[in-house]
Amino acid sequence: MLTNKTVVLGITGSIAAYKAAELASFLTKSGADVETVMTESAQKFILPLTLRSLTHRPVVCDMWSPPENFSITHVALAQAADVIVIAPATANIIAKMAYGLADDILSSIVLATKAPVIVASAMNNNMYENPATQENLARLKERGFLIVEPEIGHLACDAIGKGRLADINTIISAINMVLGRAGDMAGKKVVVTAGGTREPIDPVRFIGNRSSGKMGYALAEAARERGADVTLISAAQLSKPFGMSVIYVESASQMLDAVKQSVYNADALVMAAAVADFRSKITSENKIKKDSLVLNMELERTPDILSEVKGDFLRIGFAAETEHLLDNARKKLADKTLDLIVANDVTTQGSGFGTDTNKVTLISRGGKEIDLPLMAKRDVADRVWDWVVANIDIA
């Protein structure tokens, strides 16, 4: 996504400016051409030499001393940019952009560009919550700027509140999402489920499984970065991904309700969640004491989501097996009348629950089978979406 893309990285006068060095380093290592622009205040917190060393490119620091390779710096960078990222963005630069001021190099570039602009703010919590700042952010949103909200935490001023620069991975996700807006899934709506459901026994105990949710999250993030409108229905305890609708659930029944509500006008439903097959027939309102536990607890089946949810969209399931992988996956494909099933043997090293890699076979309803090697779950996700893009018209 980032290879050969020109990212203009604007850094303003916040203590969080040091984090921009990590962002610049990651973008450069990912193949992007990073053009760094620093305000005068930013240079009080971090040296231009640091950014030049990380990006291997000159740093633009003022309007009047441009690098030799730019004739009119603010215009040239504004035209060259595939995306402009301001991280950290102070209340001052946000106000400037909201009112169209151009009294320094960075604000001039923003005013002169037609590229998408991402604003990742960082400031004192009272400054962030001030109505003036909130009005300015709302104004930028209305103009199409993408706002990456700050996090809650301990701030440099010793206050605790909302004002910390967002995690670098969140900012990178925003960049990838913006660059992927015109991707091969642009205009498509997809619903992805992730994680293992928890079926309560009492307020403390539950029936569950080992699913981490990593595969489902990889699918959701890959679809987002290919331009899709993504709804993630999650039973996993993972950080909320940027740029998508996320619905958190615990039980199979809750997941069924969420899926039914979300698939309206969807192009694809991908059930990557490991839904518990059984639940306790009776749930205690209070914690069951150890000396009163009954070993032969009566179970009943949970709802079969893929069997109950049908519609004019692609339906894709996962089969996590420990034996007879392909036979069991083909049976599930037929029984649930799916368009595609992703089969993986969770006993294979590096494949299955909790890992960052997976070894799967894609089996379509036409009988075609694609055996994939062990690869990162994100790469598996892209192979699934490749199949969706190629078969979107069969739903």
Protein backbone atom coordinates (compact mmCIF):
# COMPACT_ATOMS: atom_id res chain seq x y z
CA MET A 1 0.00 0.00 0.00
CA LEU A 2 2.80 2.43 0.88
CA THR A 3 5.33 1.48 -1.78
CA ASN A 4 6.27 4.48 -3.96
CA LYS A 5 3.64 6.67 -2.31
CA THR A 6 4.58 10.21 -1.38
CA VAL A 7 3.65 10.93 2.22
CA VAL A 8 4.06 14.51 3.41
CA LEU A 9 4.57 14.28 7.17
CA GLY A 10 3.82 17.50 9.01
CA ILE A 11 5.21 17.83 12.53
CA THR A 12 4.10 20.62 14.85
CA GLY A 13 5.14 21.87 18.29
CA SER A 14 4.03 19.17 20.70
CA ILE A 15 6.03 17.05 23.11
CA ALA A 16 4.67 14.12 21.08
CA ALA A 17 6.86 15.25 18.17
CA TYR A 18 9.39 12.58 19.11
CA LYS A 19 6.84 9.92 18.15
CA ALA A 20 6.83 11.27 14.60
CA ALA A 21 10.33 9.84 14.23
CA GLU A 22 8.96 6.32 14.71
CA LEU A 23 6.19 7.03 12.20
CA ALA A 24 8.66 8.41 9.65
CA SER A 25 10.92 5.40 10.10
CA PHE A 26 8.08 2.91 9.58
CA LEU A 27 6.76 4.69 6.49
CA THR A 28 10.23 4.83 4.95
CA LYS A 29 10.92 1.15 5.64
CA SER A 30 7.54 0.32 4.08
CA GLY A 31 8.60 1.89 0.78
CA ALA A 32 7.05 5.35 1.04
CA ASP A 33 8.80 8.56 -0.01
CA VAL A 34 8.48 10.62 3.18
CA GLU A 35 8.75 14.39 2.79
CA THR A 36 8.98 15.89 6.28
CA VAL A 37 7.75 19.41 7.01
CA MET A 38 8.45 20.89 10.44
CA THR A 39 7.05 24.04 11.96
CA GLU A 40 9.32 26.37 13.90
CA SER A 41 7.86 25.11 17.18
CA ALA A 42 8.37 21.47 16.20
CA GLN A 43 12.09 22.11 15.86
CA LYS A 44 12.21 23.00 19.56
CA PHE A 45 11.24 19.42 20.41
CA ILE A 46 13.06 17.36 17.76
CA LEU A 47 15.90 18.15 15.39
CA PRO A 48 15.39 18.14 11.62
CA LEU A 49 18.57 16.04 11.40
CA THR A 50 16.73 13.19 13.14
CA LEU A 51 14.05 13.11 10.47
CA ARG A 52 16.54 13.53 7.64
CA SER A 53 18.54 10.57 8.96
CA LEU A 54 15.42 8.38 9.12
CA THR A 55 13.88 9.34 5.77
CA HIS A 56 17.12 9.97 3.82
CA ARG A 57 15.47 13.10 2.42
CA PRO A 58 15.82 16.82 3.16
CA VAL A 59 13.49 18.31 5.75
CA VAL A 60 11.48 21.43 4.92
CA CYS A 61 11.56 23.84 7.86
CA ASP A 62 10.43 27.21 6.55
CA MET A 63 8.99 28.98 3.56
CA TRP A 64 12.14 30.83 2.65
CA SER A 65 14.82 28.13 2.73
CA PRO A 66 13.40 25.30 0.62
CA PRO A 67 15.44 22.27 -0.43
CA GLU A 68 17.07 22.70 -3.83
CA ASN A 69 14.83 20.10 -5.50
CA PHE A 70 11.66 22.15 -4.95
CA SER A 71 11.21 25.41 -6.85
CA ILE A 72 8.12 26.64 -5.00
CA THR A 73 8.12 24.33 -2.01
CA HIS A 74 4.56 24.52 -0.74
CA VAL A 75 3.08 24.10 -4.23
CA ALA A 76 5.45 21.31 -5.24
CA LEU A 77 4.88 19.28 -2.09
CA ALA A 78 1.13 19.91 -2.22
CA GLN A 79 1.01 18.52 -5.75
CA ALA A 80 3.39 15.62 -5.10
CA ALA A 81 1.59 14.31 -2.03
CA ASP A 82 -0.52 11.17 -2.17
CA VAL A 83 -1.49 11.91 1.42
CA ILE A 84 -0.61 14.54 4.00
CA VAL A 85 -0.31 13.42 7.62
CA ILE A 86 0.00 15.94 10.43
CA ALA A 87 1.20 14.10 13.52
CA PRO A 88 1.28 15.51 16.07
CA ALA A 89 -1.19 18.28 15.27
CA THR A 90 -1.49 21.05 17.84
CA ALA A 91 -4.57 23.16 18.55
CA ASN A 92 -2.80 25.99 16.73
CA ILE A 93 -2.34 24.19 13.40
CA ILE A 94 -5.88 22.82 13.64
CA ALA A 95 -7.21 26.37 14.03
CA LYS A 96 -5.09 27.59 11.12
CA MET A 97 -6.38 24.87 8.80
CA ALA A 98 -9.98 25.36 9.92
CA TYR A 99 -9.87 29.03 8.91
CA GLY A 100 -7.70 28.65 5.82
CA LEU A 101 -4.65 30.49 7.13
CA ALA A 102 -1.33 30.00 5.36
CA ASP A 103 1.29 31.85 7.35
CA ASP A 104 3.91 29.12 7.42
CA ILE A 105 5.13 26.31 5.17
CA LEU A 106 2.92 23.56 6.59
CA SER A 107 -0.36 25.49 6.55
CA SER A 108 0.49 26.70 3.02
CA ILE A 109 0.98 23.12 1.80
CA VAL A 110 -2.35 22.07 3.29
CA LEU A 111 -4.16 24.97 1.67
CA ALA A 112 -2.57 24.26 -1.72
CA THR A 113 -3.15 20.50 -1.85
CA LYS A 114 -5.92 18.33 -3.26
CA ALA A 115 -4.51 15.26 -1.52
CA PRO A 116 -6.33 13.78 1.48
CA VAL A 117 -5.21 15.19 4.83
CA ILE A 118 -4.99 13.17 8.06
CA VAL A 119 -4.89 15.08 11.34
CA ALA A 120 -3.66 13.27 14.47
CA SER A 121 -3.99 15.72 17.32
CA ALA A 122 -1.97 15.86 20.54
CA MET A 123 -2.39 18.50 23.24
CA ASN A 124 -3.49 19.23 26.79
CA ASN A 125 -6.87 17.67 27.51
CA ASN A 126 -8.50 21.01 28.34
CA MET A 127 -7.25 22.47 25.07
CA TYR A 128 -8.62 19.46 23.19
CA GLU A 129 -12.01 19.65 24.89
CA ASN A 130 -12.29 23.41 24.47
CA PRO A 131 -15.32 24.26 22.30
CA ALA A 132 -13.11 26.26 19.94
CA THR A 133 -10.92 23.21 19.22
CA GLN A 134 -13.92 20.93 18.85
CA GLU A 135 -15.56 23.38 16.44
CA ASN A 136 -12.37 23.56 14.41
CA LEU A 137 -12.11 19.77 14.23
CA ALA A 138 -15.77 19.55 13.17
CA ARG A 139 -15.10 22.12 10.46
CA LEU A 140 -12.17 20.06 9.15
CA LYS A 141 -14.28 16.88 9.16
CA GLU A 142 -16.93 18.63 7.09
CA ARG A 143 -14.24 19.47 4.52
CA GLY A 144 -13.16 15.85 4.26
CA PHE A 145 -10.15 15.81 6.57
CA LEU A 146 -9.68 12.50 8.36
CA ILE A 147 -9.37 13.05 12.10
CA VAL A 148 -7.46 10.52 14.21
CA GLU A 149 -8.60 11.23 17.75
CA PRO A 150 -6.12 11.36 20.61
CA GLU A 151 -6.04 8.76 23.36
CA ILE A 152 -6.82 9.05 27.05
CA GLY A 153 -3.80 8.84 29.31
CA HIS A 154 -1.15 10.60 31.34
CA LEU A 155 -0.10 13.80 29.59
CA ALA A 156 3.19 15.71 29.69
CA CYS A 157 1.55 18.42 31.81
CA ASP A 158 0.84 15.77 34.50
CA ALA A 159 -2.87 15.84 33.72
CA ILE A 160 -4.79 12.67 32.90
CA GLY A 161 -7.27 12.98 30.07
CA LYS A 162 -7.85 12.82 26.34
CA GLY A 163 -4.92 14.37 24.51
CA ARG A 164 -2.19 11.79 23.92
CA LEU A 165 -1.16 11.23 20.33
CA ALA A 166 -2.86 8.12 18.95
CA ASP A 167 -0.84 4.93 18.76
CA ILE A 168 1.46 4.89 15.74
CA ASN A 169 -0.26 1.73 14.44
CA THR A 170 -3.58 3.59 14.46
CA ILE A 171 -2.10 6.44 12.41
CA ILE A 172 -0.60 3.94 9.96
CA SER A 173 -4.02 2.26 9.64
CA ALA A 174 -5.53 5.65 8.80
CA ILE A 175 -2.88 6.23 6.12
CA ASN A 176 -3.46 2.81 4.56
CA MET A 177 -7.23 3.32 4.64
CA VAL A 178 -6.94 6.66 2.84
CA LEU A 179 -4.58 5.27 0.22
CA GLY A 180 -6.93 2.32 -0.33
CA ARG A 181 -10.12 4.32 -0.84
CA ALA A 182 -10.00 3.68 -4.57
CA GLY A 183 -9.12 0.01 -4.11
CA ASP A 184 -10.78 -3.00 -5.72
CA MET A 185 -13.37 -3.20 -2.91
CA ALA A 186 -14.38 0.46 -3.01
CA GLY A 187 -18.13 0.80 -2.64
CA LYS A 188 -18.53 -2.74 -1.27
CA LYS A 189 -20.00 -3.46 2.15
CA VAL A 190 -18.68 -6.44 4.09
CA VAL A 191 -19.47 -7.93 7.48
CA VAL A 192 -16.76 -9.87 9.33
CA THR A 193 -17.06 -11.78 12.60
CA ALA A 194 -14.09 -12.46 14.87
CA GLY A 195 -13.12 -14.16 18.11
CA GLY A 196 -14.58 -16.95 20.19
CA THR A 197 -17.99 -16.52 21.79
CA ARG A 198 -18.49 -16.97 25.53
CA GLU A 199 -21.58 -18.84 26.71
CA PRO A 200 -22.30 -18.04 30.38
CA ILE A 201 -22.66 -20.69 33.07
CA ASP A 202 -22.95 -18.13 35.86
CA PRO A 203 -21.77 -14.50 36.26
CA VAL A 204 -18.16 -15.72 36.58
CA ARG A 205 -17.76 -18.83 34.42
CA PHE A 206 -18.40 -19.45 30.73
CA ILE A 207 -18.01 -22.04 27.98
CA GLY A 208 -15.59 -20.82 25.33
CA ASN A 209 -12.78 -21.73 22.99
CA ARG A 210 -9.21 -20.75 22.15
CA SER A 211 -9.92 -18.33 19.29
CA SER A 212 -7.93 -15.08 19.57
CA GLY A 213 -9.82 -13.17 16.87
CA LYS A 214 -6.61 -12.36 14.96
CA MET A 215 -7.83 -13.90 11.70
CA GLY A 216 -11.11 -11.97 11.78
CA TYR A 217 -9.35 -8.70 12.57
CA ALA A 218 -6.88 -9.31 9.73
CA LEU A 219 -9.81 -9.81 7.36
CA ALA A 220 -11.52 -6.64 8.53
CA GLU A 221 -8.38 -4.53 8.25
CA ALA A 222 -7.49 -5.90 4.82
CA ALA A 223 -10.98 -5.12 3.51
CA ARG A 224 -10.82 -1.59 4.94
CA GLU A 225 -7.51 -0.98 3.18
CA ARG A 226 -8.99 -2.14 -0.12
CA GLY A 227 -11.73 0.49 0.11
CA ALA A 228 -14.59 -1.51 1.63
CA ASP A 229 -17.15 -0.32 4.14
CA VAL A 230 -16.50 -2.76 6.99
CA THR A 231 -18.58 -3.86 9.94
CA LEU A 232 -16.65 -6.01 12.41
CA ILE A 233 -18.65 -8.07 14.90
CA SER A 234 -16.19 -9.03 17.59
CA ALA A 235 -16.15 -11.41 20.53
CA ALA A 236 -12.38 -10.90 20.86
CA GLN A 237 -10.46 -8.93 23.45
CA LEU A 238 -8.37 -6.98 20.92
CA SER A 239 -7.85 -3.25 20.39
CA LYS A 240 -10.58 -1.53 18.39
CA PRO A 241 -9.41 -1.15 14.79
CA PHE A 242 -9.53 2.26 13.14
CA GLY A 243 -11.94 3.24 10.37
CA MET A 244 -14.74 0.69 10.67
CA SER A 245 -17.93 0.02 12.58
CA VAL A 246 -17.27 -2.39 15.47
CA ILE A 247 -20.00 -4.24 17.37
CA TYR A 248 -18.86 -6.08 20.48
CA VAL A 249 -20.69 -9.23 21.53
CA GLU A 250 -20.12 -12.14 23.90
CA SER A 251 -22.53 -14.99 23.18
CA ALA A 252 -23.61 -16.79 20.02
CA SER A 253 -27.12 -15.36 20.36
CA GLN A 254 -25.76 -11.82 20.56
CA MET A 255 -23.56 -12.44 17.52
CA LEU A 256 -26.55 -13.81 15.57
CA ASP A 257 -28.57 -10.67 16.36
CA ALA A 258 -25.67 -8.41 15.36
CA VAL A 259 -25.12 -10.27 12.09
CA LYS A 260 -28.82 -10.08 11.19
CA GLN A 261 -28.80 -6.32 11.82
CA SER A 262 -25.59 -5.74 9.85
CA VAL A 263 -25.99 -7.72 6.62
CA TYR A 264 -28.57 -5.41 5.08
CA ASN A 265 -27.17 -4.37 1.67
CA ALA A 266 -23.97 -6.30 2.36
CA ASP A 267 -21.91 -7.77 -0.45
CA ALA A 268 -20.23 -10.42 1.69
CA LEU A 269 -20.45 -12.01 5.13
CA VAL A 270 -17.27 -13.66 6.40
CA MET A 271 -17.81 -15.76 9.52
CA ALA A 272 -14.28 -16.02 10.88
CA ALA A 273 -15.53 -16.20 14.48
CA ALA A 274 -15.27 -19.46 16.38
CA VAL A 275 -18.84 -19.66 17.64
CA ALA A 276 -19.30 -21.99 20.60
CA ASP A 277 -21.37 -25.02 19.58
CA PHE A 278 -22.93 -25.54 23.01
CA ARG A 279 -24.15 -23.51 25.97
CA SER A 280 -25.45 -24.36 29.40
CA LYS A 281 -29.17 -25.07 29.32
CA ILE A 282 -29.56 -23.28 32.64
CA THR A 283 -27.58 -20.15 33.57
CA SER A 284 -27.26 -19.35 37.26
CA GLU A 285 -27.92 -15.76 38.34
CA ASN A 286 -25.30 -16.12 41.08
CA LYS A 287 -21.86 -17.68 41.19
CA ILE A 288 -22.14 -21.43 41.65
CA LYS A 289 -20.15 -22.44 44.71
CA LYS A 290 -17.41 -25.00 44.25
CA ASP A 291 -18.99 -27.50 46.61
CA SER A 292 -22.28 -27.37 44.69
CA LEU A 293 -20.94 -27.77 41.15
CA VAL A 294 -22.65 -30.55 39.22
CA LEU A 295 -20.28 -32.35 36.86
CA ASN A 296 -22.99 -33.47 34.45
CA MET A 297 -24.08 -29.98 33.43
CA GLU A 298 -26.78 -30.17 30.73
CA LEU A 299 -25.89 -28.48 27.46
CA GLU A 300 -27.90 -27.32 24.45
CA ARG A 301 -26.86 -26.23 20.98
CA THR A 302 -26.22 -22.58 20.22
CA PRO A 303 -27.82 -21.03 17.11
CA ASP A 304 -26.10 -21.86 13.82
CA ILE A 305 -25.50 -18.37 12.45
CA LEU A 306 -24.55 -19.30 8.88
CA SER A 307 -27.57 -21.60 8.58
CA GLU A 308 -29.95 -18.91 9.84
CA VAL A 309 -28.56 -15.88 7.99
CA LYS A 310 -29.10 -15.95 4.25
CA GLY A 311 -29.38 -13.25 1.64
CA ASP A 312 -28.18 -11.81 -1.63
CA PHE A 313 -24.51 -11.71 -0.58
CA LEU A 314 -21.52 -14.00 -0.55
CA ARG A 315 -21.45 -16.25 2.51
CA ILE A 316 -18.01 -17.40 3.61
CA GLY A 317 -17.29 -19.70 6.54
CA PHE A 318 -14.26 -21.06 8.35
CA ALA A 319 -13.64 -24.68 9.33
CA ALA A 320 -11.16 -25.15 12.16
CA GLU A 321 -10.49 -28.88 12.32
CA THR A 322 -8.17 -31.32 14.09
CA GLU A 323 -8.70 -34.28 11.72
CA HIS A 324 -10.09 -35.11 8.26
CA LEU A 325 -9.70 -31.43 7.35
CA LEU A 326 -10.89 -31.37 3.75
CA ASP A 327 -13.70 -33.90 4.20
CA ASN A 328 -15.13 -32.01 7.18
CA ALA A 329 -14.76 -28.66 5.41
CA ARG A 330 -16.50 -29.89 2.25
CA LYS A 331 -19.38 -31.22 4.36
CA LYS A 332 -19.76 -27.89 6.14
CA LEU A 333 -19.65 -26.06 2.80
CA ALA A 334 -22.50 -28.22 1.48
CA ASP A 335 -24.59 -28.36 4.66
CA LYS A 336 -24.62 -24.59 5.07
CA THR A 337 -24.81 -23.85 1.32
CA LEU A 338 -21.80 -21.54 1.50
CA ASP A 339 -20.03 -19.86 -1.39
CA LEU A 340 -16.57 -20.44 0.09
CA ILE A 341 -15.08 -22.16 3.10
CA VAL A 342 -11.64 -21.54 4.55
CA ALA A 343 -10.31 -24.77 6.07
CA ASN A 344 -7.43 -24.92 8.49
CA ASP A 345 -6.01 -27.69 10.66
CA VAL A 346 -5.48 -26.03 14.04
CA THR A 347 -3.06 -28.77 15.12
CA THR A 348 -0.55 -27.74 12.43
CA GLN A 349 2.40 -25.77 13.81
CA GLY A 350 2.02 -22.06 13.10
CA SER A 351 -1.63 -22.45 12.10
CA GLY A 352 -4.77 -21.74 14.05
CA PHE A 353 -5.59 -20.12 17.37
CA GLY A 354 -3.42 -17.34 18.75
CA THR A 355 -0.78 -17.40 16.01
CA ASP A 356 0.07 -14.63 13.56
CA THR A 357 0.23 -17.13 10.68
CA ASN A 358 -2.18 -19.61 9.15
CA LYS A 359 -2.16 -22.55 6.75
CA VAL A 360 -5.47 -22.83 4.92
CA THR A 361 -7.25 -24.32 1.93
CA LEU A 362 -9.92 -22.32 0.12
CA ILE A 363 -12.79 -24.50 -1.12
CA SER A 364 -15.50 -22.91 -3.27
CA ARG A 365 -19.00 -24.23 -3.86
CA GLY A 366 -18.01 -25.08 -7.44
CA GLY A 367 -15.50 -27.57 -6.08
CA LYS A 368 -12.33 -25.61 -6.79
CA GLU A 369 -9.71 -25.94 -4.07
CA ILE A 370 -6.75 -23.63 -3.49
CA ASP A 371 -4.17 -24.94 -1.05
CA LEU A 372 -2.18 -22.02 0.37
CA PRO A 373 1.20 -22.28 2.09
CA LEU A 374 1.79 -21.12 5.65
CA MET A 375 1.57 -17.33 5.56
CA ALA A 376 0.75 -14.33 7.71
CA LYS A 377 -2.93 -14.08 8.59
CA ARG A 378 -3.03 -10.71 6.87
CA ASP A 379 -1.83 -12.38 3.65
CA VAL A 380 -4.47 -15.08 4.08
CA ALA A 381 -7.04 -12.31 4.44
CA ASP A 382 -6.00 -10.75 1.15
CA ARG A 383 -6.29 -14.12 -0.61
CA VAL A 384 -9.84 -14.47 0.72
CA TRP A 385 -10.72 -10.98 -0.51
CA ASP A 386 -9.07 -11.73 -3.88
CA TRP A 387 -11.56 -14.58 -4.20
CA VAL A 388 -14.44 -12.31 -3.15
CA VAL A 389 -13.50 -9.65 -5.71
CA ALA A 390 -13.31 -12.29 -8.45
CA ASN A 391 -16.67 -13.82 -7.48
CA ILE A 392 -18.71 -10.90 -6.24
CA ASP A 393 -21.27 -11.33 -9.05
CA ILE A 394 -22.25 -14.90 -8.10
CA ALA A 395 -24.11 -13.93 -4.91
